[in-house]
N, C-alpha and C. Protein backbone atom coordinates (compact mmCIF):
# COMPACT_ATOMS: atom_id res chain seq x y z
N UNK A 1 0.74 -1.23 0.13
CA UNK A 1 0.04 0.03 -0.04
C UNK A 1 0.87 1.28 -0.07
N UNK A 2 0.53 2.34 -0.59
CA UNK A 2 1.40 3.53 -0.96
C UNK A 2 0.94 4.41 0.19
N UNK A 3 2.09 4.85 0.86
CA UNK A 3 1.89 6.09 1.79
C UNK A 3 2.10 7.31 1.27
N UNK A 4 1.28 8.28 1.78
CA UNK A 4 1.47 9.74 1.15
C UNK A 4 2.54 10.50 1.94
N UNK A 5 3.65 11.01 1.47
CA UNK A 5 4.38 11.95 2.26
C UNK A 5 4.00 13.33 2.25
N UNK A 6 4.55 14.24 2.68
CA UNK A 6 4.27 15.76 2.77
C UNK A 6 4.39 16.19 1.37
N UNK A 7 5.32 15.79 0.45
CA UNK A 7 5.52 16.43 -0.89
C UNK A 7 4.32 16.15 -1.68
N UNK A 8 3.65 15.14 -1.66
CA UNK A 8 2.33 14.82 -2.39
C UNK A 8 1.19 15.81 -1.96
N UNK A 9 1.11 16.14 -0.60
CA UNK A 9 0.32 16.92 -0.03
C UNK A 9 0.60 18.54 -0.31
N UNK A 10 1.90 18.55 -0.50
CA UNK A 10 2.23 20.07 -0.70
C UNK A 10 1.92 20.39 -2.15
N UNK A 11 2.07 19.41 -3.14
CA UNK A 11 1.89 19.68 -4.44
C UNK A 11 0.37 19.71 -4.77
N UNK A 12 -0.59 19.07 -3.83
CA UNK A 12 -2.15 19.22 -4.18
C UNK A 12 -2.38 20.69 -3.65
N UNK A 13 -1.69 21.10 -2.67
CA UNK A 13 -1.99 22.41 -1.93
C UNK A 13 -1.77 23.54 -2.76
N UNK A 14 -0.66 23.51 -3.65
CA UNK A 14 -0.02 24.65 -4.25
C UNK A 14 -1.00 25.19 -5.35
N UNK A 15 -1.72 24.35 -6.30
CA UNK A 15 -2.88 24.81 -7.04
C UNK A 15 -3.95 25.53 -6.43
N UNK A 16 -4.34 25.27 -5.32
CA UNK A 16 -5.36 25.93 -4.48
C UNK A 16 -4.97 27.24 -4.21
N UNK A 17 -3.62 27.29 -3.61
CA UNK A 17 -3.09 28.55 -3.29
C UNK A 17 -3.04 29.56 -4.53
N UNK A 18 -2.57 29.23 -5.58
CA UNK A 18 -2.51 29.85 -6.78
C UNK A 18 -3.95 30.46 -7.35
N UNK A 19 -4.94 29.67 -7.14
CA UNK A 19 -6.37 29.97 -7.58
C UNK A 19 -6.77 31.24 -6.54
N UNK A 20 -6.57 30.87 -5.32
CA UNK A 20 -6.93 31.86 -4.24
C UNK A 20 -6.40 33.15 -4.30
N UNK A 21 -4.95 33.20 -4.93
CA UNK A 21 -4.30 34.40 -4.94
C UNK A 21 -4.63 35.14 -6.25
N UNK A 22 -4.75 34.46 -7.49
CA UNK A 22 -5.04 34.90 -8.86
C UNK A 22 -6.41 35.46 -8.84
N UNK A 23 -7.46 34.96 -8.34
CA UNK A 23 -8.65 35.75 -8.57
C UNK A 23 -8.80 36.95 -7.89
N UNK A 24 -8.45 37.30 -6.65
CA UNK A 24 -8.57 38.70 -6.27
C UNK A 24 -7.57 39.80 -7.13
N UNK A 25 -6.52 39.14 -7.58
CA UNK A 25 -5.53 40.09 -8.31
C UNK A 25 -6.33 40.39 -9.63
N UNK A 26 -6.83 39.39 -10.30
CA UNK A 26 -7.56 39.72 -11.65
C UNK A 26 -8.79 40.66 -11.41
N UNK A 27 -9.35 40.52 -10.29
CA UNK A 27 -10.65 41.40 -9.84
C UNK A 27 -10.03 42.88 -9.61
N UNK A 28 -8.97 43.20 -9.13
CA UNK A 28 -8.45 44.27 -9.05
C UNK A 28 -7.93 45.17 -10.42
N UNK A 29 -7.74 44.26 -11.42
CA UNK A 29 -7.03 44.65 -12.56
C UNK A 29 -8.13 45.01 -13.58
N UNK A 30 -9.64 44.67 -13.35
CA UNK A 30 -10.44 44.97 -14.30
C UNK A 30 -10.89 46.54 -14.39
N UNK A 31 -11.30 46.82 -15.57
CA UNK A 31 -11.72 48.27 -15.94
C UNK A 31 -13.33 48.29 -15.82
N UNK A 32 -13.84 49.33 -15.47
CA UNK A 32 -15.02 49.46 -15.42
C UNK A 32 -15.63 49.45 -16.67
N UNK A 33 -17.05 49.10 -16.82
CA UNK A 33 -17.67 48.66 -18.16
C UNK A 33 -18.13 50.07 -18.69
N UNK A 34 -18.04 50.40 -19.87
CA UNK A 34 -18.73 51.71 -20.34
C UNK A 34 -19.94 51.21 -20.83
N UNK A 35 -21.12 51.13 -20.13
CA UNK A 35 -22.43 50.78 -20.64
C UNK A 35 -23.50 51.82 -20.04
N UNK A 36 -24.49 51.91 -20.89
CA UNK A 36 -25.67 52.69 -20.32
C UNK A 36 -26.73 51.72 -19.78
N UNK A 37 -27.22 52.08 -18.72
CA UNK A 37 -28.22 51.37 -17.88
C UNK A 37 -29.46 52.22 -17.98
N UNK A 38 -30.32 52.10 -18.96
CA UNK A 38 -31.54 53.24 -18.85
C UNK A 38 -32.54 52.81 -18.07
N UNK A 39 -33.55 53.70 -17.96
CA UNK A 39 -34.63 53.53 -16.89
C UNK A 39 -35.37 52.09 -17.02
N UNK A 40 -35.59 51.56 -18.21
CA UNK A 40 -36.17 50.42 -18.33
C UNK A 40 -35.48 49.25 -17.83
N UNK A 41 -34.24 49.05 -18.16
CA UNK A 41 -33.52 48.18 -17.59
C UNK A 41 -33.17 48.19 -15.94
N UNK A 42 -33.15 49.39 -15.52
CA UNK A 42 -33.02 49.58 -14.11
C UNK A 42 -34.37 49.14 -13.36
N UNK A 43 -35.39 49.71 -13.84
CA UNK A 43 -36.68 49.30 -13.33
C UNK A 43 -36.94 47.76 -13.39
N UNK A 44 -36.66 47.06 -14.44
CA UNK A 44 -36.87 45.71 -14.67
C UNK A 44 -35.90 44.95 -13.64
N UNK A 45 -34.71 45.44 -13.55
CA UNK A 45 -33.86 44.83 -12.68
C UNK A 45 -34.37 45.02 -11.17
N UNK A 46 -34.66 46.09 -10.89
CA UNK A 46 -35.26 46.38 -9.51
C UNK A 46 -36.58 45.71 -9.32
N UNK A 47 -37.53 45.33 -10.22
CA UNK A 47 -38.74 44.62 -10.27
C UNK A 47 -38.23 43.27 -9.82
N UNK A 48 -37.20 42.52 -10.63
CA UNK A 48 -36.71 41.24 -10.51
C UNK A 48 -36.24 41.03 -9.06
N UNK A 49 -35.36 41.73 -8.61
CA UNK A 49 -34.76 41.75 -7.08
C UNK A 49 -36.06 41.80 -6.16
N UNK A 50 -36.84 42.83 -6.22
CA UNK A 50 -38.11 42.93 -5.36
C UNK A 50 -38.84 41.57 -5.44
N UNK A 51 -39.18 41.11 -6.58
CA UNK A 51 -40.00 39.82 -6.61
C UNK A 51 -39.26 38.63 -6.17
N UNK A 52 -38.05 38.53 -6.12
CA UNK A 52 -37.43 37.30 -5.55
C UNK A 52 -37.39 37.65 -4.08
N UNK A 53 -37.02 38.78 -3.47
CA UNK A 53 -37.06 38.98 -2.30
C UNK A 53 -38.28 38.86 -1.68
N UNK A 54 -39.40 39.39 -2.24
CA UNK A 54 -40.79 39.04 -1.71
C UNK A 54 -41.15 37.58 -1.66
N UNK A 55 -40.87 36.82 -2.68
CA UNK A 55 -41.34 35.53 -2.80
C UNK A 55 -40.45 34.69 -1.71
N UNK A 56 -39.45 34.97 -1.34
CA UNK A 56 -38.55 34.33 -0.22
C UNK A 56 -39.13 34.62 1.10
N UNK A 57 -39.49 36.13 1.21
CA UNK A 57 -40.14 36.43 2.46
C UNK A 57 -41.49 35.89 2.64
N UNK A 58 -42.29 35.82 1.56
CA UNK A 58 -43.66 35.00 1.64
C UNK A 58 -43.39 33.81 1.92
N UNK A 59 -42.65 32.93 1.28
CA UNK A 59 -42.25 31.42 1.67
C UNK A 59 -41.97 31.29 3.00
N UNK A 60 -41.12 32.12 3.60
CA UNK A 60 -40.75 32.05 5.06
C UNK A 60 -41.86 32.39 6.04
N UNK A 61 -42.65 33.34 5.56
CA UNK A 61 -43.81 33.48 6.40
C UNK A 61 -44.71 32.34 6.34
N UNK A 62 -45.10 31.96 5.27
CA UNK A 62 -45.97 30.74 5.03
C UNK A 62 -45.58 29.39 5.92
N UNK A 63 -44.00 29.23 5.81
CA UNK A 63 -43.75 28.24 6.46
C UNK A 63 -43.72 28.22 7.93
N UNK A 64 -43.41 29.50 8.64
CA UNK A 64 -43.42 29.59 9.99
C UNK A 64 -44.88 30.00 10.50
N UNK A 65 -45.86 30.52 9.73
CA UNK A 65 -47.09 30.97 10.26
C UNK A 65 -48.10 29.96 10.30
N UNK A 66 -48.21 28.98 9.62
CA UNK A 66 -49.20 28.05 9.56
C UNK A 66 -49.00 26.97 10.79
N UNK A 67 -47.75 26.45 11.07
CA UNK A 67 -47.60 25.87 12.37
C UNK A 67 -48.11 26.48 13.51
N UNK A 68 -47.68 28.03 13.63
CA UNK A 68 -47.97 28.81 14.85
C UNK A 68 -49.53 28.98 14.93
N UNK A 69 -50.12 29.14 13.76
CA UNK A 69 -51.67 29.39 13.64
C UNK A 69 -52.31 28.29 14.24
N UNK A 70 -51.94 26.96 13.79
CA UNK A 70 -52.47 25.72 14.31
C UNK A 70 -52.09 25.47 15.72
N UNK A 71 -51.16 25.93 16.23
CA UNK A 71 -50.98 25.87 17.57
C UNK A 71 -51.93 26.90 18.47
N UNK A 72 -51.80 28.06 17.84
CA UNK A 72 -52.73 29.02 18.69
C UNK A 72 -54.21 28.95 18.51
N UNK A 73 -54.64 28.45 17.34
CA UNK A 73 -56.15 28.48 17.29
C UNK A 73 -56.73 26.90 17.04
N UNK A 74 -55.68 25.88 16.66
CA UNK A 74 -56.23 24.43 16.75
C UNK A 74 -56.62 24.39 15.19
N UNK A 75 -57.00 23.05 14.97
CA UNK A 75 -57.28 22.61 13.66
C UNK A 75 -58.94 22.63 13.59
N UNK A 76 -59.45 23.20 12.64
CA UNK A 76 -60.96 23.35 12.69
C UNK A 76 -61.49 22.13 12.17
N UNK A 77 -60.84 21.23 11.35
CA UNK A 77 -61.36 19.92 10.89
C UNK A 77 -61.33 19.03 12.13
N UNK A 78 -60.23 19.05 12.94
CA UNK A 78 -60.31 18.22 14.09
C UNK A 78 -61.28 18.65 15.17
N UNK A 79 -61.75 19.81 15.35
CA UNK A 79 -62.74 20.38 16.35
C UNK A 79 -64.18 19.81 15.74
N UNK A 80 -64.39 19.89 14.39
CA UNK A 80 -65.64 19.46 13.80
C UNK A 80 -65.80 18.07 14.01
N UNK A 81 -64.62 17.21 13.89
CA UNK A 81 -64.67 15.86 13.99
C UNK A 81 -65.14 15.37 15.48
N UNK A 82 -64.70 16.12 16.40
CA UNK A 82 -64.78 15.94 17.77
C UNK A 82 -66.24 16.33 18.20
N UNK A 83 -66.73 17.35 17.53
CA UNK A 83 -68.17 17.62 17.75
C UNK A 83 -69.19 16.65 17.25
N UNK A 84 -68.91 16.05 16.13
CA UNK A 84 -69.72 14.69 15.65
C UNK A 84 -69.88 13.79 16.84
N UNK A 85 -68.77 13.54 17.50
CA UNK A 85 -68.76 12.37 18.62
C UNK A 85 -69.62 12.66 19.91
N UNK A 86 -69.93 14.11 20.01
CA UNK A 86 -70.50 14.66 21.23
C UNK A 86 -72.06 14.31 21.39
N UNK A 87 -72.72 14.04 20.23
CA UNK A 87 -73.99 13.81 20.27
C UNK A 87 -74.48 12.29 20.27
N UNK A 88 -75.28 11.83 20.90
CA UNK A 88 -75.97 10.49 21.02
C UNK A 88 -76.21 10.16 19.64
N UNK A 89 -76.26 8.74 19.45
CA UNK A 89 -76.56 8.31 18.01
C UNK A 89 -78.13 8.53 17.76
N UNK A 90 -78.96 8.53 18.62
CA UNK A 90 -80.50 8.65 18.31
C UNK A 90 -80.62 10.10 17.75
N UNK A 91 -80.14 11.05 18.48
CA UNK A 91 -80.18 12.54 17.86
C UNK A 91 -79.75 12.88 16.65
N UNK A 92 -78.63 11.97 16.35
CA UNK A 92 -77.88 12.15 14.84
C UNK A 92 -78.81 11.59 13.88
N UNK A 93 -79.33 10.39 14.12
CA UNK A 93 -80.16 9.73 12.95
C UNK A 93 -81.53 10.43 12.98
N UNK A 94 -82.08 10.99 14.16
CA UNK A 94 -83.34 11.69 13.84
C UNK A 94 -83.19 12.87 13.24
N UNK A 95 -82.01 13.59 13.30
CA UNK A 95 -81.83 14.91 12.55
C UNK A 95 -81.50 14.63 11.17
N UNK A 96 -81.13 13.51 10.88
CA UNK A 96 -80.73 13.30 9.35
C UNK A 96 -82.05 12.49 8.60
N UNK A 97 -82.98 12.21 9.34
CA UNK A 97 -84.23 11.65 8.74
C UNK A 97 -85.04 13.01 8.21
N UNK A 98 -85.70 12.92 7.03
CA UNK A 98 -86.61 14.00 6.52
C UNK A 98 -87.75 13.99 7.49
N UNK A 99 -88.46 15.28 7.65
CA UNK A 99 -89.77 15.14 8.31
C UNK A 99 -90.78 14.39 7.70
N UNK A 100 -91.46 13.87 8.58
CA UNK A 100 -92.75 12.85 8.13
C UNK A 100 -93.77 13.54 7.92
N UNK A 101 -94.49 13.42 6.91
CA UNK A 101 -96.08 14.21 6.58
C UNK A 101 -97.02 13.66 7.57
N UNK A 102 -97.68 14.64 8.05
CA UNK A 102 -98.80 14.34 8.98
C UNK A 102 -100.10 14.54 8.26
N UNK A 103 -101.16 14.06 8.85
CA UNK A 103 -102.64 14.30 8.17
C UNK A 103 -103.19 15.72 8.43
N UNK A 104 -102.59 16.38 9.43
CA UNK A 104 -103.18 17.81 9.63
C UNK A 104 -102.69 18.73 8.54
N UNK A 105 -101.50 18.46 7.98
CA UNK A 105 -100.94 19.46 7.01
C UNK A 105 -101.49 19.17 5.58
């Protein structure tokens, strides 16, 4: 089995150092772009940024609000299901039957 000495580790580390040092130097040597950003492009960019920010905030709000709402106010479907079991079976079946015709009416 081959053992790795410090020379092979040093050889693997040198390209990483070169990249880390080269990128900031290249960023410092760039010249500003001579370009016109008109009101249409600026408003469109601003709209995209605000739309993305709004959608992220809305997603976070929905993710955190619904569990909080359920904890505070309870689940309506569960409450309705509990209410169904509160009544005796005779009252439930009597309420479900249509009214009978009498001879007086």
